[in-house]
Amino acid sequence: MKTKREITAREYEEVASRLTDAINGNTYFSDSISGEGWRFTPSVMVYWHTDTLGSGEKETRMEKLVWIWWEFHTFDAEGDEVLNDFKTSTLELFLGI
């Protein structure tokens, strides 16, 4: 029986950062992003919320993601795919949702 590779907090942070950059304020994203030893391919609808700060400035943030499809692949040093414990709910925590 193969064991699952644990996705670390550092990896979730990296995925969240790269996904935020890739979404770039749009309401829909469908593409792949990748890092060292992983590739994430989501199709996701993005809902945004605009807050008005005390100074009157407006700040827009992701409010909700609707996952249509996603795949998160991890690879070992030889490039073979390894099962993992990735969860979109954990990713959303790192996205501040």
N, C-alpha and C. Protein backbone atom coordinates (compact mmCIF):
# COMPACT_ATOMS: atom_id res chain seq x y z
N MET A 1 0.83 -1.18 0.00
CA MET A 1 0.00 0.00 0.00
C MET A 1 0.88 1.25 0.00
N LYS A 2 0.62 2.14 -0.93
CA LYS A 2 1.39 3.38 -1.00
C LYS A 2 0.88 4.37 0.04
N THR A 3 1.82 5.10 0.64
CA THR A 3 1.42 6.13 1.59
C THR A 3 1.23 7.45 0.86
N LYS A 4 0.37 8.28 1.42
CA LYS A 4 0.12 9.59 0.83
C LYS A 4 1.17 10.57 1.30
N ARG A 5 1.57 11.42 0.38
CA ARG A 5 2.52 12.49 0.70
C ARG A 5 1.76 13.64 1.34
N GLU A 6 2.23 14.11 2.47
CA GLU A 6 1.60 15.23 3.15
C GLU A 6 1.97 16.54 2.46
N ILE A 7 0.96 17.36 2.18
CA ILE A 7 1.20 18.68 1.62
C ILE A 7 1.51 19.60 2.80
N THR A 8 2.66 20.26 2.75
CA THR A 8 3.12 21.09 3.86
C THR A 8 2.48 22.48 3.82
N ALA A 9 2.53 23.17 4.94
CA ALA A 9 2.03 24.54 5.01
C ALA A 9 2.76 25.43 4.00
N ARG A 10 4.05 25.22 3.85
CA ARG A 10 4.83 26.01 2.89
C ARG A 10 4.31 25.80 1.46
N GLU A 11 3.97 24.54 1.14
CA GLU A 11 3.42 24.26 -0.20
C GLU A 11 2.05 24.90 -0.38
N TYR A 12 1.20 24.81 0.64
CA TYR A 12 -0.11 25.48 0.56
C TYR A 12 0.06 26.98 0.36
N GLU A 13 1.02 27.58 1.07
CA GLU A 13 1.29 29.01 0.91
C GLU A 13 1.70 29.33 -0.52
N GLU A 14 2.57 28.49 -1.08
CA GLU A 14 3.03 28.70 -2.45
C GLU A 14 1.89 28.54 -3.46
N VAL A 15 1.07 27.51 -3.27
CA VAL A 15 -0.07 27.30 -4.17
C VAL A 15 -1.02 28.49 -4.07
N ALA A 16 -1.32 28.94 -2.86
CA ALA A 16 -2.22 30.08 -2.66
C ALA A 16 -1.68 31.33 -3.35
N SER A 17 -0.40 31.59 -3.19
CA SER A 17 0.20 32.77 -3.80
C SER A 17 0.17 32.70 -5.33
N ARG A 18 0.56 31.56 -5.87
CA ARG A 18 0.58 31.40 -7.33
C ARG A 18 -0.83 31.42 -7.91
N LEU A 19 -1.79 30.82 -7.20
CA LEU A 19 -3.17 30.82 -7.68
C LEU A 19 -3.73 32.24 -7.67
N THR A 20 -3.48 32.99 -6.60
CA THR A 20 -3.95 34.37 -6.52
C THR A 20 -3.38 35.19 -7.68
N ASP A 21 -2.09 35.04 -7.94
CA ASP A 21 -1.46 35.75 -9.06
C ASP A 21 -2.08 35.34 -10.39
N ALA A 22 -2.34 34.05 -10.56
CA ALA A 22 -2.88 33.54 -11.82
C ALA A 22 -4.33 33.99 -12.04
N ILE A 23 -5.12 34.03 -10.97
CA ILE A 23 -6.51 34.47 -11.09
C ILE A 23 -6.56 35.94 -11.50
N ASN A 24 -5.67 36.75 -10.93
CA ASN A 24 -5.48 38.13 -11.34
C ASN A 24 -6.77 38.95 -11.37
N GLY A 25 -7.62 38.75 -10.36
CA GLY A 25 -8.84 39.55 -10.25
C GLY A 25 -10.00 39.08 -11.10
N ASN A 26 -9.83 38.00 -11.83
CA ASN A 26 -10.90 37.49 -12.70
C ASN A 26 -11.93 36.70 -11.90
N THR A 27 -13.06 36.42 -12.53
CA THR A 27 -14.13 35.67 -11.87
C THR A 27 -14.13 34.19 -12.24
N TYR A 28 -13.23 33.79 -13.13
CA TYR A 28 -13.12 32.38 -13.52
C TYR A 28 -11.67 32.09 -13.86
N PHE A 29 -11.21 30.92 -13.43
CA PHE A 29 -9.85 30.49 -13.74
C PHE A 29 -9.87 29.03 -14.10
N SER A 30 -9.21 28.68 -15.20
CA SER A 30 -9.07 27.28 -15.61
C SER A 30 -7.74 27.14 -16.33
N ASP A 31 -6.75 26.63 -15.61
CA ASP A 31 -5.41 26.48 -16.16
C ASP A 31 -4.59 25.70 -15.14
N SER A 32 -3.30 25.57 -15.38
CA SER A 32 -2.42 24.88 -14.45
C SER A 32 -1.38 25.84 -13.90
N ILE A 33 -1.03 25.62 -12.64
CA ILE A 33 0.11 26.29 -12.03
C ILE A 33 0.97 25.18 -11.44
N SER A 34 2.26 25.44 -11.31
CA SER A 34 3.12 24.38 -10.78
C SER A 34 4.26 24.97 -9.98
N GLY A 35 4.83 24.10 -9.16
CA GLY A 35 5.98 24.46 -8.34
C GLY A 35 6.90 23.24 -8.26
N GLU A 36 7.81 23.28 -7.32
CA GLU A 36 8.78 22.21 -7.16
C GLU A 36 8.07 20.93 -6.70
N GLY A 37 7.93 19.97 -7.59
CA GLY A 37 7.35 18.68 -7.25
C GLY A 37 5.84 18.62 -7.23
N TRP A 38 5.14 19.64 -7.75
CA TRP A 38 3.69 19.61 -7.77
C TRP A 38 3.13 20.37 -8.98
N ARG A 39 1.87 20.01 -9.33
CA ARG A 39 1.13 20.73 -10.38
C ARG A 39 -0.34 20.76 -9.97
N PHE A 40 -0.95 21.94 -10.03
CA PHE A 40 -2.35 22.14 -9.65
C PHE A 40 -3.11 22.62 -10.87
N THR A 41 -4.18 21.89 -11.20
CA THR A 41 -5.00 22.23 -12.36
C THR A 41 -6.45 22.38 -11.91
N PRO A 42 -6.86 23.62 -11.61
CA PRO A 42 -8.25 23.84 -11.20
C PRO A 42 -9.07 24.54 -12.28
N SER A 43 -10.36 24.31 -12.22
CA SER A 43 -11.35 25.15 -12.89
C SER A 43 -12.22 25.66 -11.75
N VAL A 44 -12.23 26.98 -11.56
CA VAL A 44 -12.87 27.54 -10.38
C VAL A 44 -13.53 28.88 -10.69
N MET A 45 -14.72 29.07 -10.13
CA MET A 45 -15.38 30.37 -10.20
C MET A 45 -14.98 31.14 -8.95
N VAL A 46 -14.71 32.43 -9.12
CA VAL A 46 -14.22 33.25 -8.01
C VAL A 46 -15.23 34.37 -7.73
N TYR A 47 -15.66 34.44 -6.49
CA TYR A 47 -16.55 35.52 -6.06
C TYR A 47 -15.74 36.49 -5.22
N TRP A 48 -15.92 37.77 -5.51
CA TRP A 48 -15.15 38.82 -4.86
C TRP A 48 -16.06 39.67 -3.97
N HIS A 49 -15.47 40.26 -2.95
CA HIS A 49 -16.19 41.17 -2.05
C HIS A 49 -15.34 42.43 -1.89
N THR A 50 -15.99 43.57 -1.97
CA THR A 50 -15.29 44.83 -1.79
C THR A 50 -15.67 45.42 -0.44
N ASP A 51 -14.67 45.68 0.38
CA ASP A 51 -14.87 46.32 1.69
C ASP A 51 -14.49 47.78 1.56
N THR A 52 -15.21 48.64 2.28
CA THR A 52 -14.83 50.04 2.37
C THR A 52 -14.16 50.23 3.72
N LEU A 53 -12.91 50.67 3.67
CA LEU A 53 -12.13 50.85 4.89
C LEU A 53 -12.52 52.17 5.56
N GLY A 54 -12.11 52.34 6.81
CA GLY A 54 -12.42 53.56 7.56
C GLY A 54 -11.96 54.83 6.86
N SER A 55 -10.89 54.72 6.08
CA SER A 55 -10.35 55.88 5.37
C SER A 55 -11.13 56.17 4.09
N GLY A 56 -12.12 55.31 3.79
CA GLY A 56 -12.89 55.48 2.56
C GLY A 56 -12.32 54.70 1.39
N GLU A 57 -11.10 54.15 1.56
CA GLU A 57 -10.51 53.34 0.51
C GLU A 57 -11.28 52.03 0.38
N LYS A 58 -11.25 51.47 -0.82
CA LYS A 58 -11.91 50.19 -1.06
C LYS A 58 -10.85 49.11 -1.23
N GLU A 59 -11.17 47.95 -0.67
CA GLU A 59 -10.26 46.81 -0.75
C GLU A 59 -11.08 45.61 -1.22
N THR A 60 -10.63 44.96 -2.28
CA THR A 60 -11.34 43.80 -2.83
C THR A 60 -10.59 42.53 -2.43
N ARG A 61 -11.37 41.54 -2.01
CA ARG A 61 -10.77 40.27 -1.60
C ARG A 61 -11.62 39.12 -2.12
N MET A 62 -11.00 37.95 -2.25
CA MET A 62 -11.74 36.75 -2.62
C MET A 62 -12.69 36.44 -1.47
N GLU A 63 -13.94 36.17 -1.82
CA GLU A 63 -14.93 35.84 -0.79
C GLU A 63 -15.29 34.36 -0.81
N LYS A 64 -15.34 33.79 -2.01
CA LYS A 64 -15.75 32.40 -2.14
C LYS A 64 -15.20 31.83 -3.44
N LEU A 65 -14.85 30.55 -3.39
CA LEU A 65 -14.44 29.83 -4.58
C LEU A 65 -15.42 28.67 -4.79
N VAL A 66 -15.84 28.48 -6.03
CA VAL A 66 -16.68 27.34 -6.38
C VAL A 66 -15.84 26.45 -7.28
N TRP A 67 -15.45 25.31 -6.73
CA TRP A 67 -14.57 24.38 -7.44
C TRP A 67 -15.39 23.56 -8.43
N ILE A 68 -15.12 23.74 -9.70
CA ILE A 68 -15.80 22.97 -10.74
C ILE A 68 -15.03 21.66 -10.97
N TRP A 69 -13.73 21.77 -10.99
CA TRP A 69 -12.86 20.62 -11.16
C TRP A 69 -11.48 20.99 -10.65
N TRP A 70 -10.78 20.04 -10.09
CA TRP A 70 -9.38 20.29 -9.73
C TRP A 70 -8.62 18.97 -9.65
N GLU A 71 -7.33 19.08 -9.91
CA GLU A 71 -6.39 17.97 -9.77
C GLU A 71 -5.12 18.54 -9.16
N PHE A 72 -4.61 17.86 -8.16
CA PHE A 72 -3.34 18.27 -7.56
C PHE A 72 -2.41 17.07 -7.61
N HIS A 73 -1.37 17.18 -8.41
CA HIS A 73 -0.42 16.08 -8.60
C HIS A 73 0.89 16.41 -7.91
N THR A 74 1.46 15.40 -7.26
CA THR A 74 2.78 15.53 -6.67
C THR A 74 3.69 14.46 -7.26
N PHE A 75 4.98 14.77 -7.30
CA PHE A 75 5.95 13.89 -7.95
C PHE A 75 7.15 13.68 -7.05
N ASP A 76 7.73 12.49 -7.13
CA ASP A 76 8.95 12.22 -6.38
C ASP A 76 10.16 12.68 -7.18
N ALA A 77 11.35 12.44 -6.65
CA ALA A 77 12.59 12.90 -7.28
C ALA A 77 12.79 12.31 -8.67
N GLU A 78 12.22 11.13 -8.92
CA GLU A 78 12.36 10.49 -10.24
C GLU A 78 11.28 10.96 -11.22
N GLY A 79 10.36 11.78 -10.74
CA GLY A 79 9.29 12.29 -11.61
C GLY A 79 8.05 11.42 -11.63
N ASP A 80 8.02 10.40 -10.76
CA ASP A 80 6.84 9.53 -10.68
C ASP A 80 5.80 10.19 -9.80
N GLU A 81 4.53 10.03 -10.19
CA GLU A 81 3.45 10.62 -9.41
C GLU A 81 3.29 9.90 -8.08
N VAL A 82 3.01 10.69 -7.03
CA VAL A 82 2.84 10.19 -5.68
C VAL A 82 1.49 10.68 -5.16
N LEU A 83 0.72 9.78 -4.56
CA LEU A 83 -0.55 10.18 -3.94
C LEU A 83 -0.28 11.23 -2.88
N ASN A 84 -1.26 12.13 -2.65
CA ASN A 84 -1.07 13.18 -1.66
C ASN A 84 -2.38 13.45 -0.92
N ASP A 85 -2.30 14.29 0.11
CA ASP A 85 -3.46 14.59 0.94
C ASP A 85 -3.99 16.02 0.72
N PHE A 86 -3.80 16.58 -0.45
CA PHE A 86 -4.24 17.94 -0.76
C PHE A 86 -5.74 18.09 -0.57
N LYS A 87 -6.14 19.24 0.03
CA LYS A 87 -7.55 19.54 0.23
C LYS A 87 -7.81 20.99 -0.17
N THR A 88 -8.85 21.22 -0.96
CA THR A 88 -9.18 22.60 -1.33
C THR A 88 -9.62 23.39 -0.10
N SER A 89 -10.22 22.74 0.87
CA SER A 89 -10.64 23.45 2.09
C SER A 89 -9.43 24.01 2.84
N THR A 90 -8.34 23.27 2.85
CA THR A 90 -7.11 23.76 3.49
C THR A 90 -6.52 24.91 2.66
N LEU A 91 -6.53 24.76 1.35
CA LEU A 91 -6.03 25.84 0.48
C LEU A 91 -6.81 27.12 0.73
N GLU A 92 -8.14 27.01 0.87
CA GLU A 92 -8.95 28.20 1.12
C GLU A 92 -8.55 28.92 2.40
N LEU A 93 -8.13 28.18 3.42
CA LEU A 93 -7.64 28.81 4.64
C LEU A 93 -6.42 29.67 4.36
N PHE A 94 -5.53 29.17 3.51
CA PHE A 94 -4.32 29.92 3.14
C PHE A 94 -4.64 31.09 2.21
N LEU A 95 -5.79 31.03 1.55
CA LEU A 95 -6.24 32.15 0.71
C LEU A 95 -7.01 33.18 1.52
N GLY A 96 -7.28 32.88 2.78
CA GLY A 96 -8.00 33.80 3.65
C GLY A 96 -9.50 33.80 3.43
N ILE A 97 -10.01 32.68 2.94
CA ILE A 97 -11.45 32.59 2.67
C ILE A 97 -12.12 31.86 3.82
